[in-house]
Protein backbone atom coordinates (compact mmCIF):
# COMPACT_ATOMS: atom_id res chain seq x y z
CA MET A 1 44.01 -72.32 -4.75
CA ARG A 2 47.44 -74.24 -4.48
CA LEU A 3 48.90 -73.69 -0.88
CA GLU A 4 51.32 -76.67 -1.73
CA GLN A 5 53.05 -74.30 -4.12
CA MET A 6 53.41 -71.13 -2.28
CA THR A 7 56.84 -69.44 -2.61
CA VAL A 8 56.47 -67.48 1.10
CA HIS A 9 56.86 -69.53 4.44
CA LEU A 10 53.28 -68.67 5.88
CA ARG A 11 53.22 -68.26 9.69
CA SER A 12 51.00 -66.31 12.14
CA ARG A 13 52.76 -62.62 12.03
CA SER A 14 52.11 -59.52 13.59
CA ALA A 15 50.54 -56.79 11.52
CA TRP A 16 53.94 -55.12 10.63
CA GLU A 17 55.57 -58.38 10.07
CA ALA A 18 52.93 -58.90 7.24
CA VAL A 19 53.55 -55.43 6.04
CA GLU A 20 57.24 -56.12 5.60
CA LEU A 21 56.81 -59.39 4.02
CA GLY A 22 54.29 -57.88 1.25
CA THR A 23 56.83 -55.11 0.74
CA ALA A 24 59.60 -57.93 0.74
CA LEU A 25 57.40 -59.28 -1.96
CA VAL A 26 57.54 -56.30 -4.40
CA ARG A 27 61.10 -56.22 -4.16
CA ARG A 28 61.36 -59.83 -5.19
CA HIS A 29 58.99 -59.45 -8.21
CA ALA A 30 60.21 -55.78 -8.94
CA ALA A 31 60.83 -56.34 -12.70
CA ALA A 32 57.13 -58.03 -13.22
CA ILE A 33 55.46 -54.96 -11.52
CA TRP A 34 57.10 -52.08 -12.86
CA LYS A 35 57.26 -52.84 -16.00
CA PRO A 36 53.61 -53.15 -17.03
CA TRP A 37 53.05 -50.11 -14.70
CA LEU A 38 55.22 -48.28 -16.69
CA LEU A 39 53.80 -49.28 -19.83
CA VAL A 40 50.35 -48.38 -18.46
CA THR A 41 50.89 -45.18 -16.70
CA VAL A 42 53.22 -43.82 -19.10
CA PRO A 43 50.85 -43.27 -22.22
CA LEU A 44 48.00 -42.00 -20.04
CA PHE A 45 50.22 -39.75 -18.49
CA VAL A 46 51.03 -38.21 -21.30
CA ALA A 47 47.44 -38.21 -22.94
CA LEU A 48 46.02 -36.68 -20.01
CA ASN A 49 48.46 -34.03 -19.92
CA ALA A 50 48.62 -33.23 -23.73
CA ALA A 51 44.38 -32.87 -23.21
CA ALA A 52 44.45 -30.88 -20.13
CA TRP A 53 46.85 -28.47 -21.98
CA ALA A 54 44.60 -28.05 -24.67
CA ILE A 55 41.93 -26.82 -22.47
CA ASP A 56 44.28 -24.86 -20.57
CA SER A 57 44.01 -26.97 -17.08
CA ILE A 58 46.88 -28.89 -16.62
CA TRP A 59 46.15 -29.41 -13.06
CA LEU A 60 43.35 -31.60 -14.09
CA ALA A 61 45.66 -33.94 -15.83
CA GLY A 62 47.25 -34.55 -11.94
CA LEU A 63 43.86 -35.03 -10.40
CA LEU A 64 42.99 -37.51 -12.64
CA MET A 65 46.33 -39.21 -12.56
CA TRP A 66 45.77 -39.27 -8.91
CA TRP A 67 41.99 -40.15 -8.84
CA LEU A 68 42.73 -43.45 -11.04
CA LYS A 69 45.36 -44.93 -8.80
CA PRO A 70 42.96 -47.71 -7.66
CA VAL A 71 42.95 -48.80 -11.38
CA PHE A 72 46.61 -48.87 -11.17
CA ASP A 73 46.88 -50.81 -8.21
CA ARG A 74 45.40 -53.69 -9.84
CA ILE A 75 48.74 -54.33 -11.83
CA PRO A 76 50.79 -55.11 -8.41
CA LEU A 77 48.20 -56.66 -7.05
CA PHE A 78 47.70 -59.10 -10.03
CA VAL A 79 51.44 -59.86 -10.22
CA VAL A 80 51.99 -60.35 -6.36
CA SER A 81 48.76 -62.73 -5.92
CA ARG A 82 50.09 -64.74 -9.10
CA ALA A 83 53.65 -64.94 -8.07
CA THR A 84 53.08 -65.71 -4.47
CA PHE A 85 51.56 -69.06 -5.65
CA GLY A 86 54.67 -69.81 -7.78
CA ALA A 87 52.86 -68.30 -11.07
CA THR A 88 54.77 -64.98 -11.68
CA PRO A 89 52.97 -63.73 -14.89
CA SER A 90 55.09 -61.86 -17.46
CA VAL A 91 54.67 -58.42 -18.98
CA ARG A 92 52.09 -59.31 -21.49
CA GLU A 93 50.37 -61.54 -19.13
CA ALA A 94 49.94 -58.78 -16.59
CA LEU A 95 48.87 -56.22 -19.46
CA LEU A 96 46.26 -58.29 -21.26
CA ALA A 97 44.64 -59.30 -17.28
CA GLN A 98 43.80 -55.70 -16.58
CA LEU A 99 41.49 -55.40 -19.70
CA ARG A 100 39.19 -58.12 -18.29
CA TRP A 101 40.27 -58.41 -14.62
CA GLY A 102 39.00 -56.46 -11.57
CA TRP A 103 36.64 -54.08 -13.54
CA GLN A 104 33.58 -54.40 -11.30
CA PRO A 105 34.64 -53.22 -8.07
CA MET A 106 36.54 -50.39 -9.36
CA LEU A 107 33.28 -48.30 -9.61
CA HIS A 108 33.22 -48.23 -6.14
CA TYR A 109 36.65 -47.85 -5.52
CA LEU A 110 36.59 -44.49 -7.73
CA THR A 111 33.54 -43.04 -5.98
CA TRP A 112 32.63 -43.35 -2.51
CA ARG A 113 35.44 -45.64 -1.59
CA ARG A 114 38.20 -43.44 -2.96
CA PHE A 115 39.33 -42.02 0.13
CA SER A 116 38.86 -45.26 2.29
CA PRO A 117 41.81 -45.53 4.69
CA ALA A 118 41.84 -49.05 4.38
CA ARG A 119 41.63 -49.60 0.38
CA THR A 120 44.92 -51.22 0.04
CA LEU A 121 43.46 -54.35 2.65
CA TYR A 122 40.12 -54.34 1.00
CA LEU A 123 40.98 -54.72 -2.76
CA PRO A 124 42.82 -57.92 -2.34
CA ILE A 125 39.47 -59.21 -0.71
CA ASP A 126 37.22 -57.74 -3.59
CA LEU A 127 39.62 -58.54 -6.69
CA LEU A 128 40.87 -61.98 -5.25
CA GLU A 129 37.89 -63.62 -3.78
CA GLY A 130 35.22 -62.87 -6.14
CA VAL A 131 32.44 -62.68 -3.64
CA THR A 132 29.60 -60.12 -3.39
CA GLY A 133 26.88 -58.69 -1.51
CA ALA A 134 26.35 -59.70 2.13
CA ARG A 135 28.98 -62.50 1.88
CA LEU A 136 31.38 -59.36 0.68
CA ARG A 137 30.61 -57.48 3.63
CA GLU A 138 31.50 -60.12 5.78
CA ARG A 139 34.53 -61.12 4.56
CA ARG A 140 35.20 -57.32 4.53
CA ARG A 141 34.43 -57.31 8.38
CA VAL A 142 36.10 -60.72 9.14
CA LEU A 143 39.41 -60.12 7.87
CA GLY A 144 39.82 -56.34 8.00
CA GLY A 145 38.38 -55.69 11.60
CA ALA A 146 41.25 -56.78 13.47
CA VAL A 147 44.11 -54.95 11.28
CA TYR A 148 41.93 -51.72 10.18
CA GLY A 149 44.23 -49.27 12.15
CA ASN A 150 47.34 -50.64 10.82
CA ALA A 151 46.18 -50.20 7.23
CA ALA A 152 44.95 -46.78 8.01
CA LEU A 153 48.19 -45.65 9.25
CA LEU A 154 50.13 -47.76 6.46
CA THR A 155 47.85 -45.32 4.17
CA LEU A 156 49.08 -42.51 6.17
CA VAL A 157 52.76 -43.44 5.97
CA CYS A 158 52.88 -44.04 2.42
CA LEU A 159 51.10 -40.57 1.92
CA ASN A 160 53.80 -38.85 3.84
CA PHE A 161 56.53 -40.66 1.59
CA GLU A 162 54.91 -39.69 -1.59
CA LEU A 163 54.85 -35.93 -0.05
CA SER A 164 58.47 -36.27 0.83
CA LEU A 165 59.57 -37.35 -2.25
CA VAL A 166 57.65 -34.32 -4.39
CA LEU A 167 58.96 -31.77 -1.93
CA GLY A 168 62.64 -33.43 -2.39
CA GLY A 169 62.03 -33.23 -6.07
CA VAL A 170 61.28 -29.45 -5.66
CA GLY A 171 64.36 -28.94 -3.03
CA ALA A 172 66.28 -30.23 -5.55
CA ILE A 173 66.13 -27.38 -7.54
CA PHE A 174 68.07 -25.04 -4.75
CA LEU A 175 71.11 -27.37 -5.10
CA PHE A 176 71.87 -25.14 -8.38
CA VAL A 177 71.24 -21.88 -6.80
CA ASP A 178 73.41 -19.46 -4.63
CA VAL A 179 72.86 -19.46 -1.48
CA ASP A 180 72.38 -15.78 -1.50
CA ASN A 181 69.79 -16.23 -3.97
CA TRP A 182 67.54 -18.60 -2.12
CA LEU A 183 64.96 -16.36 -1.31
CA GLU A 184 64.84 -15.23 -5.14
CA ALA A 185 64.40 -18.37 -6.15
CA LEU A 186 61.87 -19.46 -3.81
CA ARG A 187 59.68 -16.47 -4.97
CA LEU A 188 60.37 -17.13 -8.47
CA ILE A 189 58.91 -20.67 -7.91
CA TRP A 190 55.94 -19.59 -6.37
CA ASN A 191 55.30 -17.13 -8.76
CA VAL A 192 55.43 -19.88 -11.92
CA LEU A 193 53.23 -22.45 -10.13
CA VAL A 194 50.71 -19.97 -8.12
CA GLU A 195 50.22 -16.64 -8.90
CA GLU A 196 51.17 -16.88 -12.59
CA PRO A 197 51.24 -20.61 -13.43
CA LYS A 198 53.27 -21.45 -16.53
CA TRP A 199 52.28 -24.77 -18.81
CA TRP A 200 55.72 -26.14 -18.40
CA ALA A 201 55.89 -25.84 -14.65
CA GLN A 202 52.47 -27.36 -14.29
CA ILE A 203 53.83 -30.48 -16.19
CA ILE A 204 57.01 -30.59 -14.02
CA ALA A 205 54.81 -30.66 -11.08
CA ASN A 206 52.48 -33.61 -12.46
CA GLY A 207 55.52 -35.19 -13.43
CA LEU A 208 56.93 -35.00 -9.94
CA VAL A 209 53.48 -36.55 -8.14
CA TRP A 210 53.63 -39.43 -10.74
CA ILE A 211 56.87 -40.12 -10.14
CA ALA A 212 56.41 -40.23 -6.10
CA THR A 213 53.12 -42.33 -6.74
CA SER A 214 55.04 -44.71 -9.16
CA VAL A 215 57.95 -45.44 -6.75
CA ILE A 216 55.52 -45.66 -3.39
CA GLU A 217 52.27 -47.31 -4.80
CA PRO A 218 53.33 -50.86 -5.49
CA PHE A 219 54.92 -50.97 -1.98
CA PHE A 220 51.46 -49.86 -0.80
CA VAL A 221 49.60 -52.37 -2.49
CA GLY A 222 52.21 -55.27 -1.37
CA ALA A 223 51.69 -54.31 2.30
CA GLY A 224 48.15 -54.24 1.89
CA PHE A 225 48.58 -57.98 0.21
CA GLY A 226 50.63 -58.91 3.10
CA LEU A 227 48.31 -57.72 5.67
CA TYR A 228 45.59 -59.81 3.52
CA LEU A 229 47.56 -62.70 3.23
CA ASN A 230 48.62 -63.04 7.36
CA ARG A 231 44.64 -62.43 8.32
CA ARG A 232 43.81 -65.42 6.10
CA THR A 233 46.64 -67.32 7.46
CA GLN A 234 45.64 -66.70 11.08
CA ILE A 235 41.76 -67.41 10.63
CA GLU A 236 42.10 -70.43 8.17
CA ALA A 237 45.17 -71.67 9.42
CA TRP A 238 46.94 -71.98 5.83
CA ASP A 239 50.15 -72.73 7.73
CA VAL A 240 48.90 -76.11 9.34
CA GLU A 241 46.81 -77.04 6.15
CA ILE A 242 50.40 -76.54 4.44
CA ALA A 243 52.31 -78.71 7.16
CA PHE A 244 49.70 -81.47 7.12
CA ARG A 245 49.82 -81.78 3.31
CA LYS A 246 53.63 -81.84 3.56
CA LEU A 247 53.18 -84.72 5.70
CA ARG A 248 50.54 -86.62 3.61
CA ALA A 249 53.08 -86.25 0.82
CA ARG A 250 55.99 -87.85 2.60
CA LEU A 251 53.65 -90.67 4.04
CA THR A 252 52.44 -91.23 0.90
CA ALA A 253 55.72 -91.99 -0.65
CA ALA A 254 57.16 -93.81 2.28
CA ALA A 255 54.52 -96.36 2.17
CA ALA A 256 54.35 -97.02 -1.25
CA PRO A 257 56.63 -100.30 -1.09
CA PHE A 258 54.64 -101.52 1.59
CA ALA A 259 51.42 -101.08 0.03
CA LEU A 260 52.89 -103.06 -2.72
CA VAL A 261 53.64 -105.99 -0.46
CA LEU A 262 50.41 -105.73 1.21
CA ALA A 263 48.87 -106.22 -2.33
CA LEU A 264 50.96 -109.09 -3.08
CA LEU A 265 50.19 -110.97 0.09
CA GLY A 266 46.44 -110.23 -0.23
CA ALA A 267 46.58 -111.76 -3.94
CA GLY A 268 48.08 -114.81 -2.39
CA LEU A 269 45.80 -115.48 0.86
CA ALA A 270 42.70 -114.82 -1.65
CA PRO A 271 42.01 -118.66 -2.89
CA ALA A 272 43.11 -120.10 0.79
CA ARG A 273 40.33 -117.74 2.24
CA ALA A 274 37.54 -118.59 -0.67
CA GLN A 275 38.24 -122.04 0.53
CA GLU A 276 37.70 -121.88 4.09
CA ALA A 277 34.23 -120.09 3.13
CA GLN A 278 33.17 -122.99 1.24
CA ALA A 279 33.58 -125.19 4.20
CA PRO A 280 30.85 -126.11 6.51
CA ALA A 281 30.61 -124.12 9.75
CA THR A 282 31.04 -125.86 12.76
CA PRO A 283 29.69 -124.61 16.32
CA ALA A 284 32.57 -123.29 18.28
CA LYS A 285 33.07 -124.58 21.51
CA GLN A 286 32.57 -122.31 24.61
CA GLU A 287 36.22 -121.67 26.25
CA ALA A 288 36.10 -120.61 29.96
CA PRO A 289 37.64 -117.06 30.96
CA THR A 290 41.60 -116.57 31.10
CA LEU A 291 41.17 -113.77 33.35
CA PRO A 292 41.48 -116.20 36.76
CA ALA A 293 44.32 -117.81 35.23
CA VAL A 294 46.56 -114.55 34.95
CA PHE A 295 45.65 -112.63 38.04
CA GLY A 296 44.10 -115.58 40.33
CA ASP A 297 41.02 -115.53 41.97
CA ALA A 298 41.47 -111.74 43.54
CA ARG A 299 38.77 -110.96 45.89
CA VAL A 300 38.20 -107.17 47.01
CA ASP A 301 38.57 -106.44 50.68
CA GLU A 302 35.72 -103.88 50.93
CA ARG A 303 37.18 -102.27 54.34
CA ALA A 304 40.68 -102.18 53.40
CA PHE A 305 39.45 -100.44 50.31
CA SER A 306 37.52 -97.80 52.29
CA LYS A 307 40.39 -96.86 54.45
CA ALA A 308 42.76 -96.40 51.43
CA VAL A 309 40.17 -94.18 50.00
CA ASP A 310 39.90 -92.22 52.90
CA GLN A 311 43.75 -91.79 53.41
CA ALA A 312 43.95 -90.77 49.46
CA TYR A 313 41.46 -88.00 49.89
CA ARG A 314 43.05 -86.72 53.16
CA ASP A 315 45.97 -85.99 51.11
CA PRO A 316 46.46 -82.13 50.77
CA LEU A 317 47.16 -82.26 47.28
CA LEU A 318 43.75 -83.78 46.59
CA ASN A 319 41.70 -81.96 49.17
CA SER A 320 40.63 -78.45 48.40
CA ARG A 321 39.37 -77.27 51.90
CA SER A 322 41.82 -75.49 54.17
CA LYS A 323 42.28 -73.81 57.45
CA GLN A 324 43.98 -70.36 57.83
CA VAL A 325 44.34 -67.97 61.17
CA THR A 326 44.76 -64.71 60.87
CA TRP A 327 45.17 -62.02 63.62
CA GLU A 328 42.79 -58.98 63.88
CA LYS A 329 42.64 -55.91 66.47
CA ARG A 330 40.45 -56.52 69.25
CA ASP A 331 39.34 -53.13 69.52
CA LYS A 332 38.42 -52.61 66.20
CA PRO A 333 38.15 -48.76 65.15
CA LYS A 334 34.68 -47.42 64.60
CA PRO A 335 34.00 -46.28 61.35
CA LYS A 336 33.42 -42.49 60.38
CA PRO A 337 30.27 -41.23 59.50
CA PRO A 338 29.88 -40.23 55.73
CA SER A 339 30.29 -36.56 55.13
CA PRO A 340 27.21 -34.79 53.62
CA GLN A 341 27.56 -35.03 49.97
CA ARG A 342 27.76 -31.79 48.27
CA ASP A 343 25.00 -30.79 45.29
CA MET A 344 27.04 -31.25 42.16
CA SER A 345 23.84 -30.97 39.70
CA TRP A 346 24.74 -27.49 38.42
CA LEU A 347 27.69 -29.52 36.54
CA SER A 348 25.15 -31.40 34.55
CA GLY A 349 25.12 -28.57 32.23
CA PHE A 350 28.81 -28.18 31.12
CA GLY A 351 28.48 -32.19 30.92
CA GLN A 352 25.68 -31.89 28.58
CA VAL A 353 27.83 -29.19 26.77
CA PHE A 354 30.98 -31.33 26.50
CA ALA A 355 28.78 -34.47 25.61
CA PHE A 356 27.07 -32.16 22.62
CA ILE A 357 30.83 -31.47 21.65
CA ALA A 358 32.18 -34.68 21.66
CA GLU A 359 29.09 -36.36 19.56
CA TRP A 360 28.31 -33.33 17.08
CA GLY A 361 31.87 -31.56 17.18
CA LEU A 362 33.35 -32.91 13.84
CA TRP A 363 30.40 -32.63 11.99
CA ILE A 364 30.31 -28.91 13.37
CA LEU A 365 33.86 -28.54 12.19
CA VAL A 366 33.10 -29.98 8.96
CA GLY A 367 30.08 -27.66 8.50
CA GLY A 368 32.22 -24.66 9.16
CA LEU A 369 34.47 -25.42 6.83
CA VAL A 370 32.26 -26.23 3.94
CA ALA A 371 30.42 -22.78 4.91
CA ILE A 372 33.86 -20.70 4.78
CA LEU A 373 34.67 -22.38 1.24
CA LEU A 374 31.28 -21.36 0.34
CA LEU A 375 31.80 -17.57 1.49
CA THR A 376 35.12 -17.64 -0.30
CA LEU A 377 34.08 -19.17 -3.20
CA ARG A 378 34.80 -15.95 -5.37
CA HIS A 379 37.95 -15.71 -4.80
CA TRP A 380 39.43 -19.32 -5.09
CA LEU A 381 36.99 -21.08 -7.48
CA PRO A 382 38.68 -18.96 -10.56
CA TRP A 383 42.06 -20.05 -9.31
CA MET A 384 40.76 -23.69 -9.44
CA ARG A 385 38.92 -23.70 -12.63
CA GLY A 386 41.67 -21.60 -14.48
CA SER A 387 39.66 -20.51 -17.38
CA LEU A 388 37.66 -18.06 -15.12
CA ARG A 389 41.15 -16.61 -13.69
CA ARG A 390 41.75 -13.25 -14.71
CA HIS A 391 45.02 -13.05 -16.09
CA LYS A 392 47.44 -9.97 -15.35
CA PRO A 393 48.42 -8.01 -18.38
CA LEU A 394 51.41 -9.33 -20.32
CA PRO A 395 54.46 -7.35 -19.46
CA VAL A 396 56.43 -5.21 -22.15
CA ASP A 397 58.72 -6.89 -24.04
CA VAL A 398 62.12 -6.98 -23.06
CA GLU A 399 64.66 -5.64 -25.24
CA THR A 400 67.09 -8.69 -26.59
CA GLU A 401 69.94 -6.62 -27.75
CA ALA A 402 73.37 -6.23 -26.28
CA LEU A 403 73.36 -3.06 -23.79
CA GLN A 404 75.89 0.01 -24.82
CA LEU A 405 76.64 2.10 -22.10
CA PRO A 406 79.30 4.86 -21.87
CA GLU A 407 82.82 3.75 -19.86
CA ILE A 408 82.21 7.13 -17.75
CA LEU A 409 79.08 7.85 -15.84
CA PRO A 410 77.13 11.22 -17.05
CA ASP A 411 76.93 14.19 -15.07
CA ASN A 412 73.14 13.91 -14.49
CA VAL A 413 72.37 10.07 -14.14
CA PRO A 414 68.57 10.67 -13.30
CA ALA A 415 67.94 12.64 -16.29
CA GLU A 416 70.09 9.97 -18.68
CA ALA A 417 68.07 7.40 -17.04
CA ARG A 418 64.49 8.82 -17.61
CA ARG A 419 65.61 9.94 -21.22
CA LEU A 420 66.55 6.62 -22.21
CA TRP A 421 63.14 5.19 -20.42
CA VAL A 422 61.06 7.52 -22.25
CA GLN A 423 62.72 6.63 -25.32
CA GLY A 424 61.93 2.60 -25.35
CA LYS A 425 65.06 1.33 -23.68
CA PRO A 426 64.04 0.46 -20.04
CA ARG A 427 67.30 -2.07 -19.86
CA HIS A 428 69.29 0.38 -20.78
CA ALA A 429 68.00 2.92 -17.90
CA LEU A 430 67.93 -0.03 -15.45
CA ALA A 431 71.66 -0.88 -16.10
CA LEU A 432 72.72 2.83 -15.78
CA LEU A 433 70.93 2.98 -12.47
CA TYR A 434 72.47 -0.22 -11.45
CA ARG A 435 75.99 0.73 -12.29
CA ALA A 436 75.76 3.77 -10.74
CA SER A 437 74.64 2.57 -7.49
CA VAL A 438 77.43 0.35 -7.29
CA GLU A 439 79.78 2.67 -7.55
CA THR A 440 78.07 4.91 -5.05
CA MET A 441 77.65 1.61 -2.72
CA ALA A 442 81.60 0.86 -3.08
CA ARG A 443 82.18 4.76 -2.40
CA ARG A 444 80.34 4.61 0.56
CA ALA A 445 81.43 1.03 1.83
CA GLU A 446 85.07 1.80 1.28
CA VAL A 447 85.20 -1.40 -0.96
CA ALA A 448 87.55 -2.22 -4.02
CA LEU A 449 85.08 -4.21 -6.28
CA PRO A 450 86.94 -6.78 -8.51
CA PRO A 451 86.24 -6.41 -12.55
CA GLY A 452 83.29 -8.18 -13.59
CA ALA A 453 81.51 -8.58 -9.99
CA THR A 454 78.45 -10.48 -9.63
CA GLU A 455 75.52 -9.22 -8.24
CA SER A 456 75.87 -11.48 -4.97
CA GLU A 457 79.18 -10.06 -4.02
CA CYS A 458 77.93 -6.54 -4.15
CA LEU A 459 75.24 -7.23 -2.18
CA ARG A 460 77.90 -8.95 0.22
CA ALA A 461 79.90 -5.48 -0.14
CA SER A 462 77.03 -3.29 0.77
CA ARG A 463 76.49 -4.39 3.98
CA ARG A 464 79.33 -2.73 5.00
CA MET A 465 77.47 0.76 4.32
CA PRO A 466 76.99 2.27 7.99
CA ASP A 467 73.40 3.11 6.99
CA GLY A 468 70.73 0.85 6.81
CA GLU A 469 68.70 2.53 4.74
CA ASP A 470 71.40 2.77 2.05
CA ARG A 471 71.81 -0.75 2.52
CA SER A 472 68.01 -1.41 1.89
CA LEU A 473 67.66 0.82 -1.46
CA PHE A 474 70.52 -0.80 -2.94
CA ALA A 475 69.21 -4.33 -2.25
CA ARG A 476 66.09 -2.90 -4.09
CA MET A 477 68.16 -1.76 -7.05
CA VAL A 478 69.83 -5.08 -7.33
CA ARG A 479 66.41 -6.94 -7.24
CA VAL A 480 64.60 -4.65 -9.90
CA TRP A 481 67.66 -5.29 -11.98
CA GLN A 482 67.55 -8.95 -11.73
CA TYR A 483 64.44 -9.24 -12.52
CA ALA A 484 64.84 -7.09 -15.69
CA ALA A 485 67.84 -8.77 -16.70
CA TYR A 486 67.38 -12.49 -16.10
CA ALA A 487 63.61 -12.98 -15.28
CA GLN A 488 62.61 -10.09 -18.53
CA GLN A 489 60.02 -8.72 -15.88
CA LEU A 490 60.25 -4.73 -16.09
CA PRO A 491 59.07 -2.61 -13.41
CA ALA A 492 55.59 -0.24 -13.98
CA GLN A 493 56.18 3.38 -14.77
CA GLU A 494 55.25 4.42 -11.32
CA GLU A 495 57.73 2.04 -9.87
CA PHE A 496 60.76 3.30 -11.72
CA ASP A 497 59.86 6.64 -11.38
CA ASP A 498 59.80 6.08 -7.15
CA LEU A 499 63.01 4.02 -7.34
CA LEU A 500 64.40 6.79 -9.50
CA SER A 501 63.31 9.58 -7.20
CA SER A 502 64.69 7.44 -4.27
CA LEU A 503 68.01 6.83 -5.58
CA GLN A 504 68.51 10.56 -6.59
CA GLN A 505 67.49 11.64 -2.75
CA ARG A 506 69.23 9.00 -0.77
CA TYR A 507 72.76 8.84 -3.05
CA ARG A 508 72.63 12.50 -3.65
CA TRP A 509 73.03 12.52 -7.37
CA ALA A 510 73.03 15.85 -9.49
CA ALA A 511 69.28 16.85 -10.34
């Protein structure tokens, strides 16, 4: 590990500053991260959706793409970890590294550690340090113990961001829908996604989830790497080590000329030292001490020295003992006798109950949820599996030929509509009922509709009808007509008969 080549300024940061450092690294190396990400995830997304479509379980492709997120997380982690030390990998290097790098811990991250809230913090420990066994557990405890809560909260925040992007993509549909038709559009979305799922709608939903994951997940991994980098800086003092290495480099560069001079002087003095070594050694004369020559013949006065020591100890700055004077009442109040304590032993039962709930409440809740799921298995299992779901009978094929209606309404609208329905022309029948309902509404609301008025304009005009039941019946007629005209969903025979009888009775059409 080459600390002197790091491209970031290392210092001890708070946990959220470390998260910001990780996201900044992702933004700096965005091209090196998202290019291999797209080259890996796009083909896999297409292949999984094609295979799921072949077995009529497209939801399974979205689930697998979500479950394989730890495998995809290796791409941004590999790029960011190399780029931090000044070796940003190319797209080819990042792709080739995925074939052999970091596969051993994936078994854990795709099984019991898949739902770990601190996965982004522990992933660099498992992939970058290469330790196993007890050493790995110790490293996870030391590095992740202090910031486990921050990593869990980071996971929750990133999940909310992904959910917001998915809901934003669904909500963007309403930008192209008239305000008056929002309720109908919402019902249509619910129908094609939940009640009668369409294969194209499920693929679009999987695509929205994949787009949200591709936008947020690299930042999620980078933030976890920032937490990991900050913890190692705090524990191993990387910033201090880097400062010492830089100082040593500067001193080495500055001392190079002096080292050369010393080497030359050493080479010149070597012969003289050799001659001195060959000369016979003479006994050295014992010299007299030089201390009295400098300080004189100083003699210590014991009394004066003891007096000075006592005076120094009487200094209040050196003496820790002090005397304080306080005032107290002469007649102190007598303490009151303690009041008899009430017997509160009967509350121990409640305490035991609350202790039991606090200790086993979560497990009781989980057991209750599991029991509910098992009891309702026959309701949700067919919907989840898809293949066992009971499909509703397909609606009758809707006519596609142009509608040809008379310019003047017939005298007996109900009879004519019923005749068209029996002849196999349901759209003609519904168009006739809709046209007759519009004329009746305009007459009762006393409004003049412009030529070619839309259903929304007719609904707004129907609000002027004084009777609420008339307004509700007209809205029902408009809704049935829109389903038939635009969604190709015709009403059943019973629904048509009920609608016809209601219109005939309420609008007083000729029998």
